[in-house]
PDB file of N, CA and C in Angstrom:
ATOM      1  N   SER A   1     144.360 132.437 135.251  1.00  0.00           N
ATOM      2  CA  SER A   1     143.885 133.090 134.053  1.00  0.00           C
ATOM      3  C   SER A   1     142.769 134.057 134.425  1.00  0.00           C
ATOM      4  N   ILE A   2     142.748 135.201 133.782  1.00  0.00           N
ATOM      5  CA  ILE A   2     141.743 136.234 134.050  1.00  0.00           C
ATOM      6  C   ILE A   2     140.905 136.399 132.788  1.00  0.00           C
ATOM      7  N   ARG A   3     139.608 136.194 132.925  1.00  0.00           N
ATOM      8  CA  ARG A   3     138.700 136.377 131.786  1.00  0.00           C
ATOM      9  C   ARG A   3     137.763 137.520 132.138  1.00  0.00           C
ATOM     10  N   ASN A   4     137.974 138.664 131.505  1.00  0.00           N
ATOM     11  CA  ASN A   4     137.111 139.799 131.800  1.00  0.00           C
ATOM     12  C   ASN A   4     136.171 140.052 130.633  1.00  0.00           C
ATOM     13  N   THR A   5     134.883 140.108 130.953  1.00  0.00           N
ATOM     14  CA  THR A   5     133.865 140.410 129.964  1.00  0.00           C
ATOM     15  C   THR A   5     133.280 141.766 130.326  1.00  0.00           C
ATOM     16  N   TRP A   6     132.296 142.212 129.553  1.00  0.00           N
ATOM     17  CA  TRP A   6     131.664 143.497 129.871  1.00  0.00           C
ATOM     18  C   TRP A   6     130.820 143.398 131.128  1.00  0.00           C
ATOM     19  N   ASN A   7     130.404 142.195 131.527  1.00  0.00           N
ATOM     20  CA  ASN A   7     129.497 142.046 132.659  1.00  0.00           C
ATOM     21  C   ASN A   7     130.137 141.449 133.901  1.00  0.00           C
ATOM     22  N   ASN A   8     131.254 140.773 133.777  1.00  0.00           N
ATOM     23  CA  ASN A   8     131.820 140.075 134.924  1.00  0.00           C
ATOM     24  C   ASN A   8     133.306 139.847 134.696  1.00  0.00           C
ATOM     25  N   THR A   9     134.021 139.459 135.760  1.00  0.00           N
ATOM     26  CA  THR A   9     135.428 139.077 135.675  1.00  0.00           C
ATOM     27  C   THR A   9     135.589 137.740 136.375  1.00  0.00           C
ATOM     28  N   LEU A  10     136.159 136.760 135.682  1.00  0.00           N
ATOM     29  CA  LEU A  10     136.379 135.429 136.235  1.00  0.00           C
ATOM     30  C   LEU A  10     137.877 135.185 136.348  1.00  0.00           C
ATOM     31  N   VAL A  11     138.331 134.764 137.535  1.00  0.00           N
ATOM     32  CA  VAL A  11     139.746 134.488 137.768  1.00  0.00           C
ATOM     33  C   VAL A  11     139.877 133.027 138.173  1.00  0.00           C
ATOM     34  N   THR A  12     140.705 132.274 137.432  1.00  0.00           N
ATOM     35  CA  THR A  12     140.939 130.864 137.712  1.00  0.00           C
ATOM     36  C   THR A  12     142.383 130.687 138.150  1.00  0.00           C
ATOM     37  N   ILE A  13     142.592 129.972 139.263  1.00  0.00           N
ATOM     38  CA  ILE A  13     143.927 129.713 139.789  1.00  0.00           C
ATOM     39  C   ILE A  13     144.267 128.256 139.478  1.00  0.00           C
ATOM     40  N   THR A  14     145.360 128.035 138.723  1.00  0.00           N
ATOM     41  CA  THR A  14     145.781 126.684 138.374  1.00  0.00           C
ATOM     42  C   THR A  14     147.242 126.477 138.745  1.00  0.00           C
ATOM     43  N   ASP A  15     147.651 125.199 138.814  1.00  0.00           N
ATOM     44  CA  ASP A  15     149.053 124.903 139.061  1.00  0.00           C
ATOM     45  C   ASP A  15     149.801 124.805 137.732  1.00  0.00           C
ATOM     46  N   THR A  16     151.044 124.337 137.766  1.00  0.00           N
ATOM     47  CA  THR A  16     151.850 124.296 136.547  1.00  0.00           C
ATOM     48  C   THR A  16     151.336 123.277 135.535  1.00  0.00           C
ATOM     49  N   GLU A  17     150.554 122.298 135.984  1.00  0.00           N
ATOM     50  CA  GLU A  17     149.967 121.303 135.072  1.00  0.00           C
ATOM     51  C   GLU A  17     148.548 121.694 134.658  1.00  0.00           C
ATOM     52  N   TYR A  18     148.162 122.929 134.903  1.00  0.00           N
ATOM     53  CA  TYR A  18     146.857 123.497 134.541  1.00  0.00           C
ATOM     54  C   TYR A  18     145.684 122.768 135.197  1.00  0.00           C
ATOM     55  N   LYS A  19     145.886 122.269 136.411  1.00  0.00           N
ATOM     56  CA  LYS A  19     144.795 121.702 137.197  1.00  0.00           C
ATOM     57  C   LYS A  19     144.251 122.807 138.084  1.00  0.00           C
ATOM     58  N   VAL A  20     142.929 122.985 138.076  1.00  0.00           N
ATOM     59  CA  VAL A  20     142.297 124.100 138.788  1.00  0.00           C
ATOM     60  C   VAL A  20     142.404 123.889 140.295  1.00  0.00           C
ATOM     61  N   LYS A  21     142.973 124.873 140.978  1.00  0.00           N
ATOM     62  CA  LYS A  21     143.103 124.841 142.438  1.00  0.00           C
ATOM     63  C   LYS A  21     142.064 125.717 143.116  1.00  0.00           C
ATOM     64  N   GLY A  22     141.588 126.749 142.420  1.00  0.00           N
ATOM     65  CA  GLY A  22     140.583 127.639 142.983  1.00  0.00           C
ATOM     66  C   GLY A  22     140.137 128.648 141.940  1.00  0.00           C
ATOM     67  N   TRP A  23     139.022 129.297 142.217  1.00  0.00           N
ATOM     68  CA  TRP A  23     138.527 130.324 141.296  1.00  0.00           C
ATOM     69  C   TRP A  23     137.743 131.356 142.081  1.00  0.00           C
ATOM     70  N   THR A  24     137.581 132.515 141.485  1.00  0.00           N
ATOM     71  CA  THR A  24     136.785 133.581 142.077  1.00  0.00           C
ATOM     72  C   THR A  24     136.242 134.470 140.957  1.00  0.00           C
ATOM     73  N   SER A  25     135.165 135.168 141.256  1.00  0.00           N
ATOM     74  CA  SER A  25     134.573 136.092 140.283  1.00  0.00           C
ATOM     75  C   SER A  25     134.030 137.297 141.041  1.00  0.00           C
ATOM     76  N   CYS A  26     133.572 138.274 140.295  1.00  0.00           N
ATOM     77  CA  CYS A  26     133.006 139.458 140.947  1.00  0.00           C
ATOM     78  C   CYS A  26     131.711 139.101 141.678  1.00  0.00           C
ATOM     79  N   GLY A  27     131.009 138.096 141.195  1.00  0.00           N
ATOM     80  CA  GLY A  27     129.792 137.646 141.864  1.00  0.00           C
ATOM     81  C   GLY A  27     130.078 137.010 143.207  1.00  0.00           C
ATOM     82  N   THR A  28     131.156 136.209 143.294  1.00  0.00           N
ATOM     83  CA  THR A  28     131.507 135.594 144.580  1.00  0.00           C
ATOM     84  C   THR A  28     132.114 136.600 145.540  1.00  0.00           C
ATOM     85  N   ALA A  29     132.614 137.721 145.005  1.00  0.00           N
ATOM     86  CA  ALA A  29     133.161 138.780 145.860  1.00  0.00           C
ATOM     87  C   ALA A  29     132.051 139.616 146.499  1.00  0.00           C
ATOM     88  N   GLY A  30     130.803 139.369 146.111  1.00  0.00           N
ATOM     89  CA  GLY A  30     129.676 140.039 146.753  1.00  0.00           C
ATOM     90  C   GLY A  30     128.982 141.088 145.916  1.00  0.00           C
ATOM     91  N   PHE A  31     129.312 141.180 144.633  1.00  0.00           N
ATOM     92  CA  PHE A  31     128.688 142.179 143.771  1.00  0.00           C
ATOM     93  C   PHE A  31     127.585 141.531 142.946  1.00  0.00           C
ATOM     94  N   LYS A  32     126.488 142.227 142.785  1.00  0.00           N
ATOM     95  CA  LYS A  32     125.342 141.698 142.048  1.00  0.00           C
ATOM     96  C   LYS A  32     125.030 142.566 140.833  1.00  0.00           C
ATOM     97  N   LYS A  33     124.490 141.928 139.817  1.00  0.00           N
ATOM     98  CA  LYS A  33     123.983 142.554 138.582  1.00  0.00           C
ATOM     99  C   LYS A  33     125.001 143.491 137.941  1.00  0.00           C
ATOM    100  N   SER A  34     124.643 144.735 137.676  1.00  0.00           N
ATOM    101  CA  SER A  34     125.518 145.627 136.909  1.00  0.00           C
ATOM    102  C   SER A  34     126.741 146.083 137.705  1.00  0.00           C
ATOM    103  N   LYS A  35     126.757 145.899 139.019  1.00  0.00           N
ATOM    104  CA  LYS A  35     127.914 146.294 139.826  1.00  0.00           C
ATOM    105  C   LYS A  35     129.110 145.371 139.584  1.00  0.00           C
ATOM    106  N   ARG A  36     128.862 144.171 139.032  1.00  0.00           N
ATOM    107  CA  ARG A  36     129.947 143.236 138.752  1.00  0.00           C
ATOM    108  C   ARG A  36     130.884 143.760 137.669  1.00  0.00           C
ATOM    109  N   SER A  37     130.390 144.643 136.810  1.00  0.00           N
ATOM    110  CA  SER A  37     131.212 145.128 135.698  1.00  0.00           C
ATOM    111  C   SER A  37     132.058 146.345 136.077  1.00  0.00           C
ATOM    112  N   SER A  38     131.993 146.800 137.319  1.00  0.00           N
ATOM    113  CA  SER A  38     132.733 147.998 137.708  1.00  0.00           C
ATOM    114  C   SER A  38     134.210 147.681 137.956  1.00  0.00           C
ATOM    115  N   VAL A  39     135.035 148.714 137.904  1.00  0.00           N
ATOM    116  CA  VAL A  39     136.477 148.579 138.117  1.00  0.00           C
ATOM    117  C   VAL A  39     136.757 148.196 139.566  1.00  0.00           C
ATOM    118  N   PHE A  40     135.987 148.739 140.499  1.00  0.00           N
ATOM    119  CA  PHE A  40     136.159 148.418 141.917  1.00  0.00           C
ATOM    120  C   PHE A  40     135.915 146.935 142.163  1.00  0.00           C
ATOM    121  N   ALA A  41     134.899 146.369 141.505  1.00  0.00           N
ATOM    122  CA  ALA A  41     134.594 144.947 141.655  1.00  0.00           C
ATOM    123  C   ALA A  41     135.742 144.089 141.127  1.00  0.00           C
ATOM    124  N   MET A  42     136.357 144.531 140.015  1.00  0.00           N
ATOM    125  CA  MET A  42     137.488 143.785 139.462  1.00  0.00           C
ATOM    126  C   MET A  42     138.677 143.793 140.415  1.00  0.00           C
ATOM    127  N   GLU A  43     138.952 144.957 141.009  1.00  0.00           N
ATOM    128  CA  GLU A  43     140.066 145.050 141.950  1.00  0.00           C
ATOM    129  C   GLU A  43     139.836 144.155 143.158  1.00  0.00           C
ATOM    130  N   LYS A  44     138.607 144.133 143.657  1.00  0.00           N
ATOM    131  CA  LYS A  44     138.265 143.287 144.799  1.00  0.00           C
ATOM    132  C   LYS A  44     138.405 141.808 144.445  1.00  0.00           C
ATOM    133  N   CYS A  45     137.962 141.455 143.256  1.00  0.00           N
ATOM    134  CA  CYS A  45     138.040 140.074 142.782  1.00  0.00           C
ATOM    135  C   CYS A  45     139.494 139.625 142.648  1.00  0.00           C
ATOM    136  N   LEU A  46     140.352 140.486 142.102  1.00  0.00           N
ATOM    137  CA  LEU A  46     141.769 140.156 141.972  1.00  0.00           C
ATOM    138  C   LEU A  46     142.447 140.035 143.331  1.00  0.00           C
ATOM    139  N   GLY A  47     142.057 140.897 144.269  1.00  0.00           N
ATOM    140  CA  GLY A  47     142.596 140.808 145.624  1.00  0.00           C
ATOM    141  C   GLY A  47     142.263 139.474 146.267  1.00  0.00           C
ATOM    142  N   ASP A  48     141.016 139.023 146.087  1.00  0.00           N
ATOM    143  CA  ASP A  48     140.607 137.720 146.619  1.00  0.00           C
ATOM    144  C   ASP A  48     141.384 136.585 145.962  1.00  0.00           C
ATOM    145  N   ALA A  49     141.594 136.703 144.641  1.00  0.00           N
ATOM    146  CA  ALA A  49     142.318 135.653 143.917  1.00  0.00           C
ATOM    147  C   ALA A  49     143.775 135.576 144.370  1.00  0.00           C
ATOM    148  N   PHE A  50     144.418 136.742 144.557  1.00  0.00           N
ATOM    149  CA  PHE A  50     145.809 136.751 145.013  1.00  0.00           C
ATOM    150  C   PHE A  50     145.924 136.188 146.424  1.00  0.00           C
ATOM    151  N   GLN A  51     144.935 136.482 147.268  1.00  0.00           N
ATOM    152  CA  GLN A  51     144.936 135.964 148.626  1.00  0.00           C
ATOM    153  C   GLN A  51     144.802 134.436 148.618  1.00  0.00           C
ATOM    154  N   LYS A  52     143.941 133.915 147.741  1.00  0.00           N
ATOM    155  CA  LYS A  52     143.791 132.457 147.611  1.00  0.00           C
ATOM    156  C   LYS A  52     145.085 131.827 147.121  1.00  0.00           C
ATOM    157  N   ALA A  53     145.727 132.462 146.136  1.00  0.00           N
ATOM    158  CA  ALA A  53     146.973 131.926 145.587  1.00  0.00           C
ATOM    159  C   ALA A  53     148.070 131.906 146.650  1.00  0.00           C
ATOM    160  N   ARG A  54     148.133 132.963 147.474  1.00  0.00           N
ATOM    161  CA  ARG A  54     149.127 133.004 148.550  1.00  0.00           C
ATOM    162  C   ARG A  54     148.860 131.905 149.573  1.00  0.00           C
ATOM    163  N   SER A  55     147.571 131.668 149.887  1.00  0.00           N
ATOM    164  CA  SER A  55     147.238 130.629 150.861  1.00  0.00           C
ATOM    165  C   SER A  55     147.532 129.230 150.322  1.00  0.00           C
ATOM    166  N   LEU A  56     147.564 129.068 148.991  1.00  0.00           N
ATOM    167  CA  LEU A  56     147.931 127.789 148.379  1.00  0.00           C
ATOM    168  C   LEU A  56     149.452 127.605 148.302  1.00  0.00           C
ATOM    169  N   GLY A  57     150.209 128.636 148.678  1.00  0.00           N
ATOM    170  CA  GLY A  57     151.669 128.549 148.710  1.00  0.00           C
ATOM    171  C   GLY A  57     152.354 128.983 147.434  1.00  0.00           C
ATOM    172  N   MET A  58     151.671 129.726 146.584  1.00  0.00           N
ATOM    173  CA  MET A  58     152.274 130.181 145.331  1.00  0.00           C
ATOM    174  C   MET A  58     153.049 131.472 145.566  1.00  0.00           C
ATOM    175  N   GLN A  59     154.205 131.595 144.877  1.00  0.00           N
ATOM    176  CA  GLN A  59     154.999 132.821 144.975  1.00  0.00           C
ATOM    177  C   GLN A  59     155.166 133.499 143.624  1.00  0.00           C
ATOM    178  N   LYS A  60     155.207 132.694 142.549  1.00  0.00           N
ATOM    179  CA  LYS A  60     155.336 133.228 141.196  1.00  0.00           C
ATOM    180  C   LYS A  60     154.080 132.873 140.409  1.00  0.00           C
ATOM    181  N   VAL A  61     153.622 133.801 139.574  1.00  0.00           N
ATOM    182  CA  VAL A  61     152.418 133.561 138.781  1.00  0.00           C
ATOM    183  C   VAL A  61     152.640 133.956 137.319  1.00  0.00           C
ATOM    184  N   MET A  62     151.928 133.254 136.433  1.00  0.00           N
ATOM    185  CA  MET A  62     151.826 133.632 135.028  1.00  0.00           C
ATOM    186  C   MET A  62     150.363 133.992 134.797  1.00  0.00           C
ATOM    187  N   ILE A  63     150.107 135.110 134.124  1.00  0.00           N
ATOM    188  CA  ILE A  63     148.744 135.609 133.975  1.00  0.00           C
ATOM    189  C   ILE A  63     148.343 135.597 132.510  1.00  0.00           C
ATOM    190  N   ASN A  64     147.214 134.949 132.206  1.00  0.00           N
ATOM    191  CA  ASN A  64     146.599 134.980 130.882  1.00  0.00           C
ATOM    192  C   ASN A  64     145.350 135.825 130.986  1.00  0.00           C
ATOM    193  N   MET A  65     145.259 136.897 130.193  1.00  0.00           N
ATOM    194  CA  MET A  65     144.071 137.750 130.199  1.00  0.00           C
ATOM    195  C   MET A  65     143.355 137.612 128.867  1.00  0.00           C
ATOM    196  N   THR A  66     142.093 137.212 128.913  1.00  0.00           N
ATOM    197  CA  THR A  66     141.308 137.092 127.696  1.00  0.00           C
ATOM    198  C   THR A  66     140.005 137.849 127.869  1.00  0.00           C
ATOM    199  N   GLY A  67     139.390 138.209 126.758  1.00  0.00           N
ATOM    200  CA  GLY A  67     138.105 138.877 126.811  1.00  0.00           C
ATOM    201  C   GLY A  67     138.076 140.127 125.966  1.00  0.00           C
ATOM    202  N   PRO A  68     136.864 140.554 125.602  1.00  0.00           N
ATOM    203  CA  PRO A  68     136.724 141.701 124.714  1.00  0.00           C
ATOM    204  C   PRO A  68     136.821 143.053 125.402  1.00  0.00           C
ATOM    205  N   ALA A  69     136.814 143.096 126.708  1.00  0.00           N
ATOM    206  CA  ALA A  69     136.769 144.365 127.431  1.00  0.00           C
ATOM    207  C   ALA A  69     138.159 144.997 127.494  1.00  0.00           C
ATOM    208  N   VAL A  70     138.612 145.543 126.371  1.00  0.00           N
ATOM    209  CA  VAL A  70     139.949 146.134 126.273  1.00  0.00           C
ATOM    210  C   VAL A  70     140.046 147.384 127.137  1.00  0.00           C
ATOM    211  N   ILE A  71     138.961 148.158 127.219  1.00  0.00           N
ATOM    212  CA  ILE A  71     138.960 149.404 127.989  1.00  0.00           C
ATOM    213  C   ILE A  71     139.157 149.125 129.479  1.00  0.00           C
ATOM    214  N   LEU A  72     138.683 147.982 129.939  1.00  0.00           N
ATOM    215  CA  LEU A  72     138.757 147.663 131.357  1.00  0.00           C
ATOM    216  C   LEU A  72     140.115 147.091 131.765  1.00  0.00           C
ATOM    217  N   ARG A  73     141.034 146.926 130.808  1.00  0.00           N
ATOM    218  CA  ARG A  73     142.316 146.302 131.133  1.00  0.00           C
ATOM    219  C   ARG A  73     143.273 147.211 131.872  1.00  0.00           C
ATOM    220  N   LYS A  74     143.273 148.507 131.553  1.00  0.00           N
ATOM    221  CA  LYS A  74     144.220 149.419 132.208  1.00  0.00           C
ATOM    222  C   LYS A  74     144.057 149.434 133.726  1.00  0.00           C
ATOM    223  N   PRO A  75     142.823 149.622 134.248  1.00  0.00           N
ATOM    224  CA  PRO A  75     142.696 149.564 135.706  1.00  0.00           C
ATOM    225  C   PRO A  75     143.028 148.193 136.277  1.00  0.00           C
ATOM    226  N   LEU A  76     142.798 147.143 135.484  1.00  0.00           N
ATOM    227  CA  LEU A  76     143.108 145.796 135.928  1.00  0.00           C
ATOM    228  C   LEU A  76     144.618 145.617 136.079  1.00  0.00           C
ATOM    229  N   LEU A  77     145.369 146.096 135.095  1.00  0.00           N
ATOM    230  CA  LEU A  77     146.826 145.996 135.155  1.00  0.00           C
ATOM    231  C   LEU A  77     147.400 146.861 136.269  1.00  0.00           C
ATOM    232  N   ARG A  78     146.768 148.017 136.505  1.00  0.00           N
ATOM    233  CA  ARG A  78     147.226 148.894 137.584  1.00  0.00           C
ATOM    234  C   ARG A  78     147.064 148.190 138.935  1.00  0.00           C
ATOM    235  N   SER A  79     145.915 147.538 139.124  1.00  0.00           N
ATOM    236  CA  SER A  79     145.693 146.854 140.399  1.00  0.00           C
ATOM    237  C   SER A  79     146.593 145.626 140.525  1.00  0.00           C
ATOM    238  N   LEU A  80     146.962 144.995 139.399  1.00  0.00           N
ATOM    239  CA  LEU A  80     147.901 143.877 139.452  1.00  0.00           C
ATOM    240  C   LEU A  80     149.267 144.340 139.952  1.00  0.00           C
ATOM    241  N   ARG A  81     149.715 145.488 139.470  1.00  0.00           N
ATOM    242  CA  ARG A  81     151.015 146.001 139.890  1.00  0.00           C
ATOM    243  C   ARG A  81     151.021 146.410 141.356  1.00  0.00           C
ATOM    244  N   GLU A  82     149.896 146.987 141.820  1.00  0.00           N
ATOM    245  CA  GLU A  82     149.829 147.433 143.216  1.00  0.00           C
ATOM    246  C   GLU A  82     149.869 146.257 144.177  1.00  0.00           C
ATOM    247  N   GLN A  83     149.191 145.174 143.830  1.00  0.00           N
ATOM    248  CA  GLN A  83     149.118 144.014 144.717  1.00  0.00           C
ATOM    249  C   GLN A  83     150.185 142.995 144.330  1.00  0.00           C
ATOM    250  N   SER A  84     151.426 143.434 144.231  1.00  0.00           N
ATOM    251  CA  SER A  84     152.487 142.581 143.710  1.00  0.00           C
ATOM    252  C   SER A  84     153.211 141.808 144.813  1.00  0.00           C
ATOM    253  N   SER A  85     152.469 141.272 145.781  1.00  0.00           N
ATOM    254  CA  SER A  85     153.105 140.397 146.751  1.00  0.00           C
ATOM    255  C   SER A  85     153.452 139.072 146.088  1.00  0.00           C
ATOM    256  N   LEU A  86     152.743 138.737 144.997  1.00  0.00           N
ATOM    257  CA  LEU A  86     153.110 137.612 144.156  1.00  0.00           C
ATOM    258  C   LEU A  86     153.952 138.144 143.002  1.00  0.00           C
ATOM    259  N   ARG A  87     154.955 137.400 142.603  1.00  0.00           N
ATOM    260  CA  ARG A  87     155.827 137.842 141.510  1.00  0.00           C
ATOM    261  C   ARG A  87     155.197 137.444 140.177  1.00  0.00           C
ATOM    262  N   ILE A  88     154.989 138.405 139.296  1.00  0.00           N
ATOM    263  CA  ILE A  88     154.380 138.149 137.995  1.00  0.00           C
ATOM    264  C   ILE A  88     155.503 137.822 137.008  1.00  0.00           C
ATOM    265  N   MET A  89     155.536 136.564 136.554  1.00  0.00           N
ATOM    266  CA  MET A  89     156.587 136.112 135.651  1.00  0.00           C
ATOM    267  C   MET A  89     156.253 136.425 134.195  1.00  0.00           C
ATOM    268  N   LYS A  90     154.996 136.210 133.804  1.00  0.00           N
ATOM    269  CA  LYS A  90     154.602 136.411 132.415  1.00  0.00           C
ATOM    270  C   LYS A  90     153.183 136.958 132.381  1.00  0.00           C
ATOM    271  N   LEU A  91     152.950 137.895 131.479  1.00  0.00           N
ATOM    272  CA  LEU A  91     151.619 138.481 131.300  1.00  0.00           C
ATOM    273  C   LEU A  91     151.246 138.336 129.836  1.00  0.00           C
ATOM    274  N   ARG A  92     150.176 137.586 129.563  1.00  0.00           N
ATOM    275  CA  ARG A  92     149.761 137.323 128.186  1.00  0.00           C
ATOM    276  C   ARG A  92     148.376 137.897 127.962  1.00  0.00           C
ATOM    277  N   LEU A  93     148.244 138.770 126.946  1.00  0.00           N
ATOM    278  CA  LEU A  93     146.969 139.385 126.610  1.00  0.00           C
ATOM    279  C   LEU A  93     146.442 138.756 125.327  1.00  0.00           C
ATOM    280  N   ALA A  94     145.147 138.427 125.306  1.00  0.00           N
ATOM    281  CA  ALA A  94     144.549 137.835 124.111  1.00  0.00           C
ATOM    282  C   ALA A  94     143.144 138.380 123.933  1.00  0.00           C
ATOM    283  N   ASP A  95     142.789 138.652 122.679  1.00  0.00           N
ATOM    284  CA  ASP A  95     141.440 139.110 122.347  1.00  0.00           C
ATOM    285  C   ASP A  95     140.687 137.990 121.670  1.00  0.00           C
ATOM    286  N   SER A  96     139.408 137.867 121.946  1.00  0.00           N
ATOM    287  CA  SER A  96     138.597 136.862 121.283  1.00  0.00           C
ATOM    288  C   SER A  96     137.812 137.471 120.118  1.00  0.00           C
ATOM    289  N   VAL A  97     138.176 138.687 119.718  1.00  0.00           N
ATOM    290  CA  VAL A  97     137.498 139.358 118.616  1.00  0.00           C
ATOM    291  C   VAL A  97     138.229 138.988 117.317  1.00  0.00           C
ATOM    292  N   PRO A  98     137.536 138.482 116.300  1.00  0.00           N
ATOM    293  CA  PRO A  98     138.221 138.080 115.070  1.00  0.00           C
ATOM    294  C   PRO A  98     138.734 139.292 114.298  1.00  0.00           C
ATOM    295  N   HIS A  99     139.779 139.086 113.519  1.00  0.00           N
ATOM    296  CA  HIS A  99     140.360 140.171 112.735  1.00  0.00           C
ATOM    297  C   HIS A  99     139.389 140.567 111.621  1.00  0.00           C
ATOM    298  N   GLY A 100     139.076 141.841 111.532  1.00  0.00           N
ATOM    299  CA  GLY A 100     138.177 142.321 110.487  1.00  0.00           C
ATOM    300  C   GLY A 100     136.718 142.323 110.907  1.00  0.00           C
ATOM    301  N   GLY A 101     136.360 141.528 111.905  1.00  0.00           N
ATOM    302  CA  GLY A 101     134.992 141.505 112.399  1.00  0.00           C
ATOM    303  C   GLY A 101     134.016 140.783 111.472  1.00  0.00           C
ATOM    304  N   CYS A 102     132.730 141.017 111.697  1.00  0.00           N
ATOM    305  CA  CYS A 102     131.675 140.368 110.924  1.00  0.00           C
ATOM    306  C   CYS A 102     131.498 141.058 109.572  1.00  0.00           C
ATOM    307  N   ARG A 103     130.881 140.335 108.652  1.00  0.00           N
ATOM    308  CA  ARG A 103     130.596 140.894 107.347  1.00  0.00           C
ATOM    309  C   ARG A 103     129.478 141.920 107.484  1.00  0.00           C
ATOM    310  N   PRO A 104     129.628 143.114 106.877  1.00  0.00           N
ATOM    311  CA  PRO A 104     128.586 144.141 107.021  1.00  0.00           C
ATOM    312  C   PRO A 104     127.320 143.785 106.250  1.00  0.00           C
ATOM    313  N   ARG A 105     126.226 144.401 106.634  1.00  0.00           N
ATOM    314  CA  ARG A 105     124.935 144.184 106.006  1.00  0.00           C
ATOM    315  C   ARG A 105     124.922 144.743 104.583  1.00  0.00           C
ATOM    316  N   LYS A 106     124.125 144.124 103.719  1.00  0.00           N
ATOM    317  CA  LYS A 106     124.038 144.568 102.331  1.00  0.00           C
ATOM    318  C   LYS A 106     123.446 145.973 102.284  1.00  0.00           C
ATOM    319  N   ALA A 107     123.998 146.820 101.399  1.00  0.00           N
ATOM    320  CA  ALA A 107     123.558 148.211 101.299  1.00  0.00           C
ATOM    321  C   ALA A 107     122.140 148.286 100.748  1.00  0.00           C
ATOM    322  N   ARG A 108     121.359 149.255 101.248  1.00  0.00           N
ATOM    323  CA  ARG A 108     119.988 149.441 100.802  1.00  0.00           C
ATOM    324  C   ARG A 108     119.973 149.962  99.371  1.00  0.00           C
ATOM    325  N   ARG A 109     119.119 149.369  98.539  1.00  0.00           N
ATOM    326  CA  ARG A 109     119.040 149.775  97.143  1.00  0.00           C
ATOM    327  C   ARG A 109     118.039 150.920  97.007  1.00  0.00           C
ATOM    328  N   ARG A 110     118.469 152.025  96.384  1.00  0.00           N
ATOM    329  CA  ARG A 110     117.585 153.176  96.185  1.00  0.00           C
ATOM    330  C   ARG A 110     117.436 153.435  94.693  1.00  0.00           C
ATOM    331  N   ARG A 111     116.194 153.734  94.269  1.00  0.00           N
ATOM    332  CA  ARG A 111     115.963 153.956  92.833  1.00  0.00           C
ATOM    333  C   ARG A 111     116.339 155.356  92.400  1.00  0.00           C
ATOM    334  N   TYR A 112     115.762 156.337  93.049  1.00  0.00           N
ATOM    335  CA  TYR A 112     115.975 157.726  92.608  1.00  0.00           C
ATOM    336  C   TYR A 112     116.653 158.503  93.708  1.00  0.00           C
ATOM    337  N   LYS A 113     117.703 159.151  93.333  1.00  0.00           N
ATOM    338  CA  LYS A 113     118.416 160.001  94.297  1.00  0.00           C
ATOM    339  C   LYS A 113     118.089 161.452  93.973  1.00  0.00           C
ATOM    340  N   THR A 114     116.937 161.922  94.463  1.00  0.00           N
ATOM    341  CA  THR A 114     116.513 163.302  94.224  1.00  0.00           C
ATOM    342  C   THR A 114     116.321 164.012  95.534  1.00  0.00           C
ATOM    343  N   LYS A 115     116.454 165.317  95.493  1.00  0.00           N
ATOM    344  CA  LYS A 115     116.240 166.115  96.697  1.00  0.00           C
ATOM    345  C   LYS A 115     114.756 166.343  96.877  1.00  0.00           C
ATOM    346  N   ALA A 116     114.316 166.441  98.104  1.00  0.00           N
ATOM    347  CA  ALA A 116     112.895 166.651  98.399  1.00  0.00           C
ATOM    348  C   ALA A 116     112.501 168.081  98.002  1.00  0.00           C
ATOM    349  N   LYS A 117     111.287 168.239  97.415  1.00  0.00           N
ATOM    350  CA  LYS A 117     110.789 169.552  97.013  1.00  0.00           C
ATOM    351  C   LYS A 117     110.224 170.273  98.210  1.00  0.00           C
ATOM    352  N   ARG A 118     110.445 171.568  98.214  1.00  0.00           N
ATOM    353  CA  ARG A 118     109.961 172.358  99.354  1.00  0.00           C
ATOM    354  C   ARG A 118     108.851 173.269  98.985  1.00  0.00           C
TER     355      ARG A 118
END
C-alpha cells in the first residue's frame, strides 16, 4: 500500500493475508525535511520498495494508493509503470477527503452597505 501525503510517502509491503513483510518511506531513503515531499524522493522510495518486494520473492502486486496529494499521483504512476519488473495486478486509488468538505464559516454581518466618501 502506498500512502502519499504532502510531506512524505509511506510504502508498506504485505503478503496476501495482509501481514507486513517490510516498509519504506522517503525518510528511510535518505531524504530529510522538505525534500521528502519531492517527486524524486517518491521515485526513489518506490524503487526501494520494489527491490524489497523482489527480494521477498514477490512477482505480482496489488497497489492501494491513499492520501490527499492528488497532484503528486501522476509522477508516482509514471514511475510505477517504468519500474514494472513486478506485475501490477490491481491499482486502487482512494481519497481521504470527505465529499463536500468542511462546513464554511458563518458570513460576517454588516449593517450599512454604503460606498466610502471621497
